[in-house]
N, C-alpha and C. Protein backbone atom coordinates (compact mmCIF):
# COMPACT_ATOMS: atom_id res chain seq x y z
N MET A 1 -1.46 115.21 43.47
CA MET A 1 -1.99 116.55 43.66
C MET A 1 -0.83 117.53 43.83
N PRO A 2 -0.85 118.63 43.09
CA PRO A 2 0.25 119.60 43.18
C PRO A 2 0.34 120.26 44.56
N LYS A 3 1.56 120.59 44.93
CA LYS A 3 1.81 121.29 46.18
C LYS A 3 2.13 122.75 45.83
N TYR A 4 1.31 123.68 46.36
CA TYR A 4 1.44 125.10 46.03
C TYR A 4 2.03 125.89 47.20
N ARG A 5 2.94 126.79 46.86
CA ARG A 5 3.53 127.70 47.85
C ARG A 5 2.61 128.90 48.02
N PRO A 6 2.22 129.24 49.26
CA PRO A 6 1.43 130.46 49.47
C PRO A 6 2.25 131.70 49.12
N ASN A 7 1.63 132.64 48.44
CA ASN A 7 2.32 133.81 47.91
C ASN A 7 1.37 135.00 47.95
N VAL A 8 1.94 136.18 48.12
CA VAL A 8 1.18 137.43 48.06
C VAL A 8 1.78 138.32 46.98
N ALA A 9 0.94 139.15 46.37
CA ALA A 9 1.41 140.09 45.35
C ALA A 9 0.73 141.43 45.57
N ALA A 10 1.48 142.51 45.32
CA ALA A 10 0.97 143.87 45.53
C ALA A 10 0.83 144.60 44.20
N ILE A 11 -0.38 145.05 43.93
CA ILE A 11 -0.61 145.97 42.81
C ILE A 11 -0.65 147.34 43.46
N ILE A 12 0.42 148.09 43.32
CA ILE A 12 0.52 149.40 43.97
C ILE A 12 0.15 150.47 42.94
N ARG A 13 -0.89 151.24 43.27
CA ARG A 13 -1.40 152.26 42.35
C ARG A 13 -1.15 153.64 42.91
N ASN A 14 -0.71 154.56 42.04
CA ASN A 14 -0.47 155.94 42.46
C ASN A 14 -1.71 156.81 42.19
N ALA A 15 -1.62 158.07 42.55
CA ALA A 15 -2.76 158.99 42.41
C ALA A 15 -3.16 159.21 40.95
N ALA A 16 -2.23 158.99 40.03
CA ALA A 16 -2.53 159.14 38.60
C ALA A 16 -3.19 157.89 38.02
N GLY A 17 -3.40 156.86 38.85
CA GLY A 17 -4.02 155.63 38.39
C GLY A 17 -3.05 154.66 37.76
N GLU A 18 -1.75 154.95 37.84
CA GLU A 18 -0.73 154.05 37.28
C GLU A 18 -0.36 152.99 38.31
N ILE A 19 0.06 151.84 37.81
CA ILE A 19 0.46 150.74 38.69
C ILE A 19 1.96 150.49 38.57
N LEU A 20 2.55 150.06 39.67
CA LEU A 20 3.98 149.80 39.75
C LEU A 20 4.30 148.43 39.18
N ILE A 21 5.23 148.40 38.24
CA ILE A 21 5.76 147.14 37.74
C ILE A 21 7.27 147.14 37.94
N CYS A 22 7.83 145.96 38.17
CA CYS A 22 9.25 145.84 38.46
C CYS A 22 9.88 144.82 37.52
N GLU A 23 11.08 145.15 37.03
CA GLU A 23 11.79 144.27 36.10
C GLU A 23 12.67 143.29 36.87
N ARG A 24 12.55 142.02 36.56
CA ARG A 24 13.33 140.98 37.23
C ARG A 24 14.82 141.19 36.98
N LYS A 25 15.60 141.12 38.02
CA LYS A 25 17.05 141.30 37.91
C LYS A 25 17.69 140.21 37.06
N ASN A 26 17.22 138.99 37.21
CA ASN A 26 17.82 137.86 36.50
C ASN A 26 17.14 137.56 35.16
N ASN A 27 16.21 138.44 34.74
CA ASN A 27 15.49 138.19 33.50
C ASN A 27 15.04 139.53 32.91
N ALA A 28 15.95 140.20 32.22
CA ALA A 28 15.64 141.50 31.63
C ALA A 28 14.41 141.40 30.74
N ARG A 29 13.61 142.43 30.75
CA ARG A 29 12.37 142.54 29.98
C ARG A 29 11.24 141.68 30.55
N ALA A 30 11.45 141.08 31.72
CA ALA A 30 10.38 140.37 32.42
C ALA A 30 9.93 141.24 33.58
N TRP A 31 8.67 141.67 33.53
CA TRP A 31 8.14 142.61 34.52
C TRP A 31 7.05 141.93 35.33
N GLN A 32 6.92 142.34 36.57
CA GLN A 32 5.89 141.77 37.44
C GLN A 32 5.60 142.73 38.57
N PHE A 33 4.60 142.37 39.35
CA PHE A 33 4.28 143.12 40.57
C PHE A 33 5.17 142.62 41.70
N PRO A 34 5.44 143.47 42.70
CA PRO A 34 6.16 142.98 43.87
C PRO A 34 5.39 141.81 44.48
N GLN A 35 6.09 140.75 44.82
CA GLN A 35 5.42 139.56 45.35
C GLN A 35 6.42 138.68 46.06
N GLY A 36 5.90 137.75 46.84
CA GLY A 36 6.78 136.81 47.51
C GLY A 36 6.02 135.84 48.37
N GLY A 37 6.75 134.88 48.88
CA GLY A 37 6.16 133.81 49.67
C GLY A 37 5.72 134.25 51.05
N VAL A 38 4.77 133.49 51.58
CA VAL A 38 4.26 133.70 52.93
C VAL A 38 5.05 132.78 53.86
N ASP A 39 5.71 133.37 54.84
CA ASP A 39 6.50 132.58 55.79
C ASP A 39 5.58 131.84 56.76
N LYS A 40 6.08 130.75 57.30
CA LYS A 40 5.32 129.96 58.28
C LYS A 40 4.91 130.84 59.46
N GLY A 41 3.63 130.79 59.82
CA GLY A 41 3.11 131.56 60.94
C GLY A 41 2.76 133.00 60.61
N GLU A 42 2.96 133.40 59.37
CA GLU A 42 2.73 134.77 58.94
C GLU A 42 1.35 134.87 58.28
N SER A 43 0.62 135.94 58.57
CA SER A 43 -0.66 136.17 57.89
C SER A 43 -0.38 136.71 56.49
N LEU A 44 -1.39 136.67 55.64
CA LEU A 44 -1.24 137.20 54.28
C LEU A 44 -0.87 138.68 54.31
N ILE A 45 -1.52 139.45 55.16
CA ILE A 45 -1.26 140.90 55.21
C ILE A 45 0.14 141.17 55.77
N GLU A 46 0.58 140.37 56.74
CA GLU A 46 1.94 140.53 57.25
C GLU A 46 2.96 140.23 56.15
N ALA A 47 2.70 139.18 55.38
CA ALA A 47 3.60 138.84 54.27
C ALA A 47 3.61 139.96 53.22
N LEU A 48 2.45 140.51 52.93
CA LEU A 48 2.36 141.62 51.97
C LEU A 48 3.25 142.78 52.43
N HIS A 49 3.07 143.21 53.67
CA HIS A 49 3.84 144.34 54.19
C HIS A 49 5.34 144.05 54.17
N ARG A 50 5.73 142.84 54.55
CA ARG A 50 7.15 142.48 54.55
C ARG A 50 7.71 142.49 53.12
N GLU A 51 7.01 141.86 52.19
CA GLU A 51 7.50 141.77 50.81
C GLU A 51 7.59 143.15 50.16
N VAL A 52 6.58 143.99 50.34
CA VAL A 52 6.61 145.33 49.75
C VAL A 52 7.79 146.12 50.31
N HIS A 53 8.02 146.01 51.60
CA HIS A 53 9.15 146.72 52.20
C HIS A 53 10.48 146.18 51.68
N GLU A 54 10.63 144.86 51.62
CA GLU A 54 11.88 144.26 51.15
C GLU A 54 12.16 144.60 49.69
N GLU A 55 11.13 144.57 48.86
CA GLU A 55 11.34 144.68 47.42
C GLU A 55 11.33 146.10 46.87
N VAL A 56 10.51 146.99 47.48
CA VAL A 56 10.44 148.36 46.93
C VAL A 56 10.58 149.45 47.98
N GLY A 57 10.86 149.07 49.23
CA GLY A 57 11.20 150.04 50.26
C GLY A 57 10.04 150.77 50.90
N LEU A 58 8.81 150.41 50.59
CA LEU A 58 7.66 151.09 51.20
C LEU A 58 7.22 150.37 52.47
N LYS A 59 7.00 151.14 53.51
CA LYS A 59 6.44 150.60 54.75
C LYS A 59 4.92 150.63 54.66
N SER A 60 4.26 149.86 55.50
CA SER A 60 2.80 149.76 55.44
C SER A 60 2.13 151.12 55.66
N LYS A 61 2.78 152.05 56.34
CA LYS A 61 2.20 153.37 56.55
C LYS A 61 2.20 154.22 55.28
N HIS A 62 2.88 153.75 54.22
CA HIS A 62 2.98 154.50 52.97
C HIS A 62 1.89 154.15 51.96
N TYR A 63 1.02 153.20 52.29
CA TYR A 63 -0.03 152.79 51.36
C TYR A 63 -1.20 152.20 52.14
N ASP A 64 -2.35 152.19 51.47
CA ASP A 64 -3.55 151.56 52.03
C ASP A 64 -3.93 150.38 51.15
N VAL A 65 -4.28 149.27 51.78
CA VAL A 65 -4.81 148.13 51.05
C VAL A 65 -6.29 148.39 50.83
N VAL A 66 -6.71 148.42 49.55
CA VAL A 66 -8.10 148.76 49.24
C VAL A 66 -8.90 147.59 48.66
N ASP A 67 -8.21 146.52 48.28
CA ASP A 67 -8.91 145.35 47.76
C ASP A 67 -7.99 144.14 47.85
N GLN A 68 -8.61 142.98 47.87
CA GLN A 68 -7.87 141.72 47.97
C GLN A 68 -8.63 140.66 47.19
N LYS A 69 -7.92 139.89 46.38
CA LYS A 69 -8.56 138.81 45.62
C LYS A 69 -7.60 137.63 45.54
N GLY A 70 -8.14 136.44 45.50
CA GLY A 70 -7.35 135.23 45.35
C GLY A 70 -8.21 134.05 45.73
N GLU A 71 -7.77 132.85 45.58
CA GLU A 71 -6.43 132.43 45.25
C GLU A 71 -6.30 132.22 43.75
N TYR A 72 -5.20 132.68 43.23
CA TYR A 72 -4.81 132.44 41.85
C TYR A 72 -3.69 131.40 41.90
N ARG A 73 -3.75 130.42 41.02
CA ARG A 73 -2.75 129.35 41.05
C ARG A 73 -2.07 129.20 39.70
N TYR A 74 -0.79 128.91 39.77
CA TYR A 74 -0.08 128.50 38.57
C TYR A 74 0.97 127.45 38.95
N LEU A 75 1.31 126.63 37.97
CA LEU A 75 2.35 125.61 38.13
C LEU A 75 3.64 126.13 37.53
N TYR A 76 4.75 125.80 38.17
CA TYR A 76 6.05 126.11 37.61
C TYR A 76 6.30 125.22 36.39
N PRO A 77 7.11 125.70 35.44
CA PRO A 77 7.53 124.79 34.36
C PRO A 77 8.39 123.68 34.96
N PRO A 78 8.47 122.53 34.30
CA PRO A 78 9.24 121.39 34.87
C PRO A 78 10.67 121.74 35.27
N ALA A 79 11.37 122.55 34.49
CA ALA A 79 12.76 122.90 34.82
C ALA A 79 12.84 123.68 36.13
N VAL A 80 11.85 124.51 36.41
CA VAL A 80 11.82 125.29 37.66
C VAL A 80 11.34 124.41 38.80
N SER A 81 10.29 123.66 38.55
CA SER A 81 9.69 122.80 39.57
C SER A 81 10.70 121.81 40.15
N ALA A 82 11.58 121.31 39.31
CA ALA A 82 12.58 120.33 39.74
C ALA A 82 13.52 120.90 40.79
N LYS A 83 13.70 122.23 40.81
CA LYS A 83 14.62 122.88 41.74
C LYS A 83 13.92 123.36 43.02
N LYS A 84 12.61 123.25 43.08
CA LYS A 84 11.86 123.79 44.21
C LYS A 84 11.14 122.68 44.95
N LYS A 85 10.71 123.01 46.18
CA LYS A 85 9.96 122.01 46.94
C LYS A 85 8.46 122.12 46.71
N TYR A 86 8.05 123.06 45.85
CA TYR A 86 6.65 123.23 45.49
C TYR A 86 6.49 123.05 43.99
N ASP A 87 5.28 122.69 43.58
CA ASP A 87 4.97 122.52 42.16
C ASP A 87 4.52 123.83 41.51
N GLY A 88 4.14 124.79 42.35
CA GLY A 88 3.65 126.07 41.84
C GLY A 88 3.33 127.00 42.99
N GLN A 89 2.58 128.05 42.68
CA GLN A 89 2.21 129.04 43.70
C GLN A 89 0.72 129.28 43.70
N LYS A 90 0.19 129.54 44.90
CA LYS A 90 -1.18 130.03 45.05
C LYS A 90 -1.06 131.43 45.61
N GLN A 91 -1.59 132.39 44.85
CA GLN A 91 -1.35 133.79 45.15
C GLN A 91 -2.62 134.51 45.59
N THR A 92 -2.41 135.43 46.50
CA THR A 92 -3.44 136.40 46.87
C THR A 92 -2.91 137.76 46.45
N TYR A 93 -3.70 138.49 45.68
CA TYR A 93 -3.32 139.82 45.20
C TYR A 93 -4.00 140.89 46.03
N PHE A 94 -3.25 141.96 46.29
CA PHE A 94 -3.75 143.10 47.04
C PHE A 94 -3.60 144.35 46.19
N LEU A 95 -4.66 145.12 46.08
CA LEU A 95 -4.59 146.43 45.43
C LEU A 95 -4.30 147.45 46.51
N CYS A 96 -3.21 148.18 46.33
CA CYS A 96 -2.74 149.14 47.33
C CYS A 96 -2.67 150.53 46.72
N GLU A 97 -3.18 151.51 47.43
CA GLU A 97 -3.11 152.91 47.00
C GLU A 97 -1.95 153.56 47.75
N ILE A 98 -0.95 154.03 46.99
CA ILE A 98 0.21 154.66 47.62
C ILE A 98 -0.15 156.08 48.05
N HIS A 99 0.32 156.49 49.20
CA HIS A 99 0.08 157.85 49.69
C HIS A 99 0.95 158.84 48.90
N GLN A 100 0.44 160.03 48.70
CA GLN A 100 1.19 161.02 47.93
C GLN A 100 2.49 161.44 48.62
N ASP A 101 2.54 161.32 49.94
CA ASP A 101 3.76 161.70 50.66
C ASP A 101 4.71 160.51 50.89
N ALA A 102 4.46 159.39 50.23
CA ALA A 102 5.32 158.21 50.37
C ALA A 102 6.69 158.51 49.75
N PRO A 103 7.73 157.87 50.26
CA PRO A 103 9.07 158.07 49.67
C PRO A 103 9.13 157.45 48.28
N GLU A 104 10.19 157.78 47.56
CA GLU A 104 10.42 157.20 46.24
C GLU A 104 10.58 155.68 46.36
N ILE A 105 10.22 154.99 45.31
CA ILE A 105 10.42 153.54 45.26
C ILE A 105 11.93 153.27 45.32
N GLU A 106 12.30 152.30 46.12
CA GLU A 106 13.71 151.94 46.28
C GLU A 106 13.85 150.45 45.95
N ILE A 107 14.17 150.15 44.70
CA ILE A 107 14.30 148.77 44.26
C ILE A 107 15.42 148.07 45.02
N GLY A 108 15.12 146.85 45.45
CA GLY A 108 16.13 146.06 46.15
C GLY A 108 16.45 146.59 47.53
N HIS A 109 15.47 147.24 48.17
CA HIS A 109 15.69 147.80 49.50
C HIS A 109 16.38 146.79 50.41
N LYS A 110 15.79 145.60 50.51
CA LYS A 110 16.41 144.55 51.31
C LYS A 110 16.59 143.27 50.52
N ASN A 111 15.98 143.19 49.37
CA ASN A 111 15.99 141.96 48.60
C ASN A 111 16.13 142.32 47.11
N PRO A 112 17.31 142.26 46.56
CA PRO A 112 17.54 142.75 45.19
C PRO A 112 17.02 141.81 44.09
N GLU A 113 15.70 141.61 44.02
CA GLU A 113 15.11 140.77 42.97
C GLU A 113 14.90 141.55 41.68
N PHE A 114 14.87 142.88 41.77
CA PHE A 114 14.55 143.69 40.61
C PHE A 114 15.71 144.61 40.24
N SER A 115 15.75 144.96 38.95
CA SER A 115 16.78 145.88 38.47
C SER A 115 16.22 147.24 38.10
N ASP A 116 14.89 147.33 37.92
CA ASP A 116 14.27 148.58 37.49
C ASP A 116 12.79 148.55 37.86
N PHE A 117 12.15 149.71 37.75
CA PHE A 117 10.71 149.78 37.96
C PHE A 117 10.14 150.84 37.04
N ASP A 118 8.83 150.80 36.90
CA ASP A 118 8.13 151.80 36.09
C ASP A 118 6.69 151.88 36.58
N TRP A 119 6.07 153.00 36.26
CA TRP A 119 4.64 153.19 36.53
C TRP A 119 3.94 153.17 35.17
N VAL A 120 2.93 152.32 35.03
CA VAL A 120 2.18 152.22 33.77
C VAL A 120 0.69 152.23 34.07
N ARG A 121 -0.08 152.70 33.11
CA ARG A 121 -1.53 152.59 33.23
C ARG A 121 -1.90 151.12 33.08
N PRO A 122 -2.89 150.63 33.80
CA PRO A 122 -3.24 149.21 33.69
C PRO A 122 -3.45 148.74 32.25
N GLU A 123 -4.04 149.58 31.42
CA GLU A 123 -4.29 149.17 30.02
C GLU A 123 -3.01 149.09 29.19
N GLU A 124 -1.90 149.60 29.71
CA GLU A 124 -0.60 149.50 29.02
C GLU A 124 0.15 148.21 29.35
N PHE A 125 -0.35 147.48 30.34
CA PHE A 125 0.35 146.25 30.74
C PHE A 125 0.37 145.29 29.56
N ASP A 126 1.54 144.76 29.24
CA ASP A 126 1.75 143.95 28.05
C ASP A 126 2.05 142.50 28.45
N GLU A 127 1.30 141.58 27.91
CA GLU A 127 1.50 140.17 28.26
C GLU A 127 2.88 139.66 27.86
N GLU A 128 3.55 140.32 26.94
CA GLU A 128 4.88 139.87 26.54
C GLU A 128 5.93 140.11 27.62
N TRP A 129 5.58 140.85 28.65
CA TRP A 129 6.48 141.07 29.78
C TRP A 129 6.53 139.87 30.71
N LEU A 130 5.66 138.89 30.50
CA LEU A 130 5.48 137.79 31.45
C LEU A 130 6.00 136.47 30.91
N PRO A 131 6.52 135.63 31.82
CA PRO A 131 6.82 134.26 31.38
C PRO A 131 5.49 133.54 31.11
N ALA A 132 5.51 132.60 30.19
CA ALA A 132 4.28 131.92 29.77
C ALA A 132 3.53 131.28 30.93
N PHE A 133 4.24 130.72 31.91
CA PHE A 133 3.55 130.01 32.99
C PHE A 133 2.80 130.94 33.94
N LYS A 134 3.08 132.25 33.91
CA LYS A 134 2.36 133.21 34.76
C LYS A 134 1.27 133.96 33.99
N LEU A 135 1.24 133.80 32.69
CA LEU A 135 0.38 134.61 31.84
C LEU A 135 -1.10 134.52 32.20
N GLU A 136 -1.62 133.34 32.37
CA GLU A 136 -3.06 133.20 32.63
C GLU A 136 -3.46 133.83 33.96
N VAL A 137 -2.60 133.72 34.98
CA VAL A 137 -2.90 134.37 36.26
C VAL A 137 -2.95 135.88 36.09
N TYR A 138 -1.97 136.45 35.41
CA TYR A 138 -1.96 137.91 35.21
C TYR A 138 -3.16 138.36 34.39
N ARG A 139 -3.54 137.59 33.40
CA ARG A 139 -4.75 137.94 32.64
C ARG A 139 -5.97 137.99 33.55
N GLN A 140 -6.11 136.99 34.41
CA GLN A 140 -7.26 136.95 35.31
C GLN A 140 -7.20 138.08 36.33
N VAL A 141 -6.02 138.36 36.86
CA VAL A 141 -5.86 139.45 37.84
C VAL A 141 -6.25 140.79 37.21
N MET A 142 -5.80 141.03 36.00
CA MET A 142 -6.14 142.30 35.33
C MET A 142 -7.64 142.40 35.04
N ARG A 143 -8.27 141.27 34.72
CA ARG A 143 -9.73 141.27 34.54
C ARG A 143 -10.43 141.55 35.87
N ASP A 144 -9.98 140.87 36.92
CA ASP A 144 -10.65 140.97 38.22
C ASP A 144 -10.50 142.35 38.86
N PHE A 145 -9.33 142.96 38.74
CA PHE A 145 -9.10 144.25 39.39
C PHE A 145 -9.45 145.45 38.50
N PHE A 146 -9.27 145.31 37.18
CA PHE A 146 -9.41 146.47 36.30
C PHE A 146 -10.37 146.24 35.13
N SER A 147 -11.02 145.08 35.07
CA SER A 147 -11.92 144.74 33.96
C SER A 147 -11.22 144.92 32.61
N LEU A 148 -9.97 144.49 32.55
CA LEU A 148 -9.16 144.62 31.34
C LEU A 148 -8.69 143.26 30.85
N ASP A 149 -8.63 143.14 29.54
CA ASP A 149 -7.98 141.98 28.92
C ASP A 149 -6.63 142.46 28.42
N ILE A 150 -5.55 141.91 28.99
CA ILE A 150 -4.22 142.31 28.55
C ILE A 150 -3.84 141.53 27.30
N ALA A 151 -3.04 142.14 26.48
CA ALA A 151 -2.58 141.51 25.25
C ALA A 151 -1.23 142.10 24.89
N SER A 152 -0.67 141.60 23.83
CA SER A 152 0.61 142.14 23.35
C SER A 152 0.39 143.54 22.78
N ALA A 153 1.37 144.40 23.03
CA ALA A 153 1.28 145.77 22.51
C ALA A 153 1.54 145.79 21.02
């Protein structure tokens, strides 16, 4: 039976209805939502607030959590799995509405996992931005939160 790492992910939406995507520092042209593991003894919401602050510089007072869905699961590819103590991740996604007076996004505030960010409409999200092993989860997340089927642009 696979061993899954608990993980949270934030879909941060602005007043224009655009969602925040971040480009992986170690993998140019690979985009994802801010996300990260849940530490031992930490609640999902505590992990969400910590990860969003570490990765994009927003404190919990800068956004409201308006929806939550999960668990979504994926397995790491064998080359990745061999280096980790887990076989994959089980994720809980949170839809967050950013406040208009929130500060600018600050990539790598405390954890430099990303090199860039952008705001896109959900229907602009392109499956080619994703590694193959995460694709099915992102497809399901986009269906569940936005009733959209993502595809290549």
